[in-house]
Every structure is written in C-alpha cells, then in structure tokens.
Amino acid sequence: MKRRTLARIVPGLFLLLILVLLVWGSDRITLQGERTIYTVDCEAGVWDGNRCTGRLAAGPRYAFRASPRRHEVIYWIRDSTAPSGKFTDCSVTNRDNWSCNVGLGQSSSIAYEMHDGRPTRGTQGLAASFHDVSKWKWWAIRLGPDVFSVASD
C-alpha cells in the first residue's frame, strides 16, 4: 500500500519542482515586486551586436522597485556597496511598466524606462550601455559553463 502512495506522490513532487524552477527562472515572481536586469560582460572579445566574440561573463544585476503611489523608481546594483539612486518624476503603472523623466545631471542607471518588464534603450548618454540575459542564463554563466555567446538585446 505504501509503495502505491509513494509512486503517486513522487511524480507529482517532481512536476511541482520543475514548475517552481521554471517560474523562478522566468523572474516573473519576486518577493518585493522588484524587477532585476541580469547583465553580461564580454571578456577577451568585443560585442558584435548582441553577440560576444569572446566569453560571456556574468555582470552586475540591476534592481528596480517602482512605486505607483509615490511616482518614483528606486534602483541599485545587487550585492554592491554602490549607493542606490532614485528617479522621482515617474509615471508608474506597475513594476514592469514605468517611465521616468531624467535630466542630464542626474545619476545614471542602465534604464529610466521599463516596458513589459524589459528596459528600453533610450537617449544616448542618459542610460548606461548594457547587454542582458534571462535569469536562468545569467546563473548558468555565473556557474561556469562556457556555452553561451549571445545576449538578449
């Protein structure tokens, strides 16, 4: 009797684990309603569009927390001692859709606008240049396999 129950539970747990890993890897659910952009660097090579001629290396992770009520976006680099920044003149729908008015004198980030969870490439000089990948690919690159050469942009 116990073997039959176990035979039913194990496949269900396995499928649940796969589902949890897929949701985590998509970065669709976060604890604080933040959006993280996983950047990559091109080591021992140059960028040719979104392809690295060298080796992709995990870069900084830029986090954004948008507040529709306060019309602001706070941004920082995860696991960094660099201070966080804040855009205060923003139109915020939700964590995946917002746009901020940024002046040339303000501190820069990689994005001052997000559309459908993706940072938009803006005016030259206002946002820092970057290449990004999905969360699961960033972690795979960080763990060491040298099998990727293309960023998501």
Protein backbone atom coordinates (compact mmCIF):
# COMPACT_ATOMS: atom_id res chain seq x y z
CA MET A 1 0.00 0.00 0.00
CA LYS A 2 2.79 2.46 0.85
CA ARG A 3 4.56 1.82 -2.45
CA ARG A 4 1.47 2.77 -4.43
CA THR A 5 1.10 6.02 -2.49
CA LEU A 6 4.77 6.81 -2.91
CA ALA A 7 4.55 6.00 -6.63
CA ARG A 8 1.80 8.63 -6.94
CA ILE A 9 3.49 11.30 -4.83
CA VAL A 10 7.00 11.22 -6.32
CA PRO A 11 5.98 12.14 -9.92
CA GLY A 12 3.74 14.91 -8.57
CA LEU A 13 6.57 16.34 -6.47
CA PHE A 14 8.92 16.11 -9.43
CA LEU A 15 6.49 18.03 -11.66
CA LEU A 16 5.98 20.63 -8.92
CA LEU A 17 9.76 21.08 -8.63
CA ILE A 18 10.04 21.56 -12.41
CA LEU A 19 7.22 24.13 -12.34
CA VAL A 20 8.84 26.05 -9.47
CA LEU A 21 12.19 26.10 -11.31
CA LEU A 22 10.54 27.38 -14.50
CA VAL A 23 8.72 30.18 -12.66
CA TRP A 24 11.90 31.12 -10.74
CA GLY A 25 13.96 31.11 -13.94
CA SER A 26 11.50 33.38 -15.72
CA ASP A 27 11.77 36.02 -12.95
CA ARG A 28 8.00 36.57 -13.17
CA ILE A 29 7.51 36.36 -9.42
CA THR A 30 9.66 38.29 -6.94
CA LEU A 31 9.27 38.75 -3.22
CA GLN A 32 9.17 42.54 -3.18
CA GLY A 33 7.66 43.27 -6.59
CA GLU A 34 11.03 44.30 -7.99
CA ARG A 35 12.42 43.85 -11.46
CA THR A 36 16.02 42.73 -11.90
CA ILE A 37 18.04 43.07 -15.10
CA TYR A 38 20.79 40.45 -15.39
CA THR A 39 23.68 41.93 -17.37
CA VAL A 40 26.61 40.20 -19.01
CA ASP A 41 30.08 41.35 -19.98
CA CYS A 42 32.15 40.25 -22.96
CA GLU A 43 35.57 39.07 -21.74
CA ALA A 44 38.51 38.67 -24.13
CA GLY A 45 36.39 39.84 -27.03
CA VAL A 46 34.13 42.58 -28.32
CA TRP A 47 30.40 42.97 -28.87
CA ASP A 48 29.16 42.45 -32.41
CA GLY A 49 25.53 43.49 -31.95
CA ASN A 50 24.32 41.17 -29.21
CA ARG A 51 26.98 38.50 -29.88
CA CYS A 52 30.19 38.38 -27.85
CA THR A 53 33.28 37.35 -29.82
CA GLY A 54 34.98 36.27 -26.59
CA ARG A 55 33.49 34.73 -23.46
CA LEU A 56 30.27 35.86 -21.75
CA ALA A 57 30.71 36.63 -18.07
CA ALA A 58 28.01 37.37 -15.52
CA GLY A 59 27.82 41.12 -14.96
CA PRO A 60 26.04 43.23 -12.35
CA ARG A 61 22.37 42.69 -11.55
CA TYR A 62 20.45 45.96 -11.64
CA ALA A 63 17.32 46.05 -9.49
CA PHE A 64 14.37 48.44 -9.81
CA ARG A 65 11.49 48.98 -7.39
CA ALA A 66 8.72 51.12 -8.85
CA SER A 67 6.11 52.88 -6.69
CA PRO A 68 2.90 53.96 -8.45
CA ARG A 69 1.71 55.78 -5.33
CA ARG A 70 4.87 57.89 -4.92
CA HIS A 71 5.60 58.20 -8.69
CA GLU A 72 9.19 57.11 -8.17
CA VAL A 73 11.61 54.32 -9.03
CA ILE A 74 14.45 53.27 -6.74
CA TYR A 75 17.36 51.47 -8.38
CA TRP A 76 20.53 49.76 -7.16
CA ILE A 77 23.09 47.10 -8.06
CA ARG A 78 22.53 43.87 -6.16
CA ASP A 79 25.44 42.67 -3.98
CA SER A 80 27.21 46.00 -4.42
CA THR A 81 28.30 48.66 -1.97
CA ALA A 82 27.43 51.37 -4.50
CA PRO A 83 24.66 53.66 -3.23
CA SER A 84 21.16 53.30 -4.58
CA GLY A 85 19.55 56.00 -6.69
CA LYS A 86 16.05 57.30 -7.18
CA PHE A 87 14.06 58.73 -10.06
CA THR A 88 11.34 60.98 -8.66
CA ASP A 89 9.45 62.24 -11.72
CA CYS A 90 7.95 58.98 -12.96
CA SER A 91 4.78 57.64 -14.49
CA VAL A 92 4.39 54.18 -12.92
CA THR A 93 1.75 51.64 -13.91
CA ASN A 94 3.39 48.62 -12.21
CA ARG A 95 6.83 47.07 -11.73
CA ASP A 96 7.03 46.13 -15.41
CA ASN A 97 5.74 49.37 -16.95
CA TRP A 98 7.11 52.75 -15.95
CA SER A 99 8.86 55.77 -17.41
CA CYS A 100 10.85 58.48 -15.66
CA ASN A 101 11.87 61.97 -16.74
CA VAL A 102 15.61 62.15 -16.17
CA GLY A 103 17.84 65.18 -16.52
CA LEU A 104 21.40 65.09 -17.80
CA GLY A 105 22.78 65.99 -14.36
CA GLN A 106 21.10 63.10 -12.53
CA SER A 107 22.93 59.92 -11.62
CA SER A 108 22.54 57.34 -14.34
CA SER A 109 21.35 53.77 -14.39
CA ILE A 110 21.00 51.28 -17.19
CA ALA A 111 17.36 52.26 -17.69
CA TYR A 112 14.95 55.07 -16.98
CA GLU A 113 12.02 53.30 -18.59
CA MET A 114 10.61 49.75 -18.46
CA HIS A 115 8.07 48.31 -20.89
CA ASP A 116 6.63 44.81 -20.35
CA GLY A 117 9.44 44.06 -17.90
CA ARG A 118 12.21 44.98 -20.35
CA PRO A 119 14.32 48.14 -20.13
CA THR A 120 14.03 50.34 -23.19
CA ARG A 121 17.10 51.71 -24.90
CA GLY A 122 16.88 55.45 -24.53
CA THR A 123 18.58 58.65 -25.49
CA GLN A 124 22.34 58.48 -25.85
CA GLY A 125 24.11 59.47 -22.63
CA LEU A 126 21.12 59.21 -20.27
CA ALA A 127 21.27 55.45 -19.69
CA ALA A 128 24.41 53.35 -19.36
CA SER A 129 25.07 50.83 -22.13
CA PHE A 130 24.49 47.17 -21.27
CA HIS A 131 23.75 43.68 -22.58
CA ASP A 132 21.44 41.37 -20.65
CA VAL A 133 20.25 37.78 -20.50
CA SER A 134 17.48 35.89 -18.73
CA LYS A 135 17.81 35.00 -15.07
CA TRP A 136 18.43 31.29 -15.66
CA LYS A 137 21.08 32.01 -18.31
CA TRP A 138 22.84 34.53 -16.04
CA TRP A 139 23.10 31.92 -13.27
CA ALA A 140 24.31 29.29 -15.75
CA ILE A 141 27.01 31.68 -16.99
CA ARG A 142 27.98 32.53 -13.41
CA LEU A 143 28.34 28.85 -12.55
CA GLY A 144 30.88 28.45 -15.30
CA PRO A 145 29.79 26.63 -18.47
CA ASP A 146 31.23 28.50 -21.44
CA VAL A 147 28.43 27.63 -23.85
CA PHE A 148 26.69 30.98 -24.40
CA SER A 149 27.78 33.84 -26.64
CA VAL A 150 24.57 35.78 -27.35
CA ALA A 151 22.86 38.36 -25.12
CA SER A 152 19.13 39.06 -25.19
CA ASP A 153 19.01 42.56 -26.64
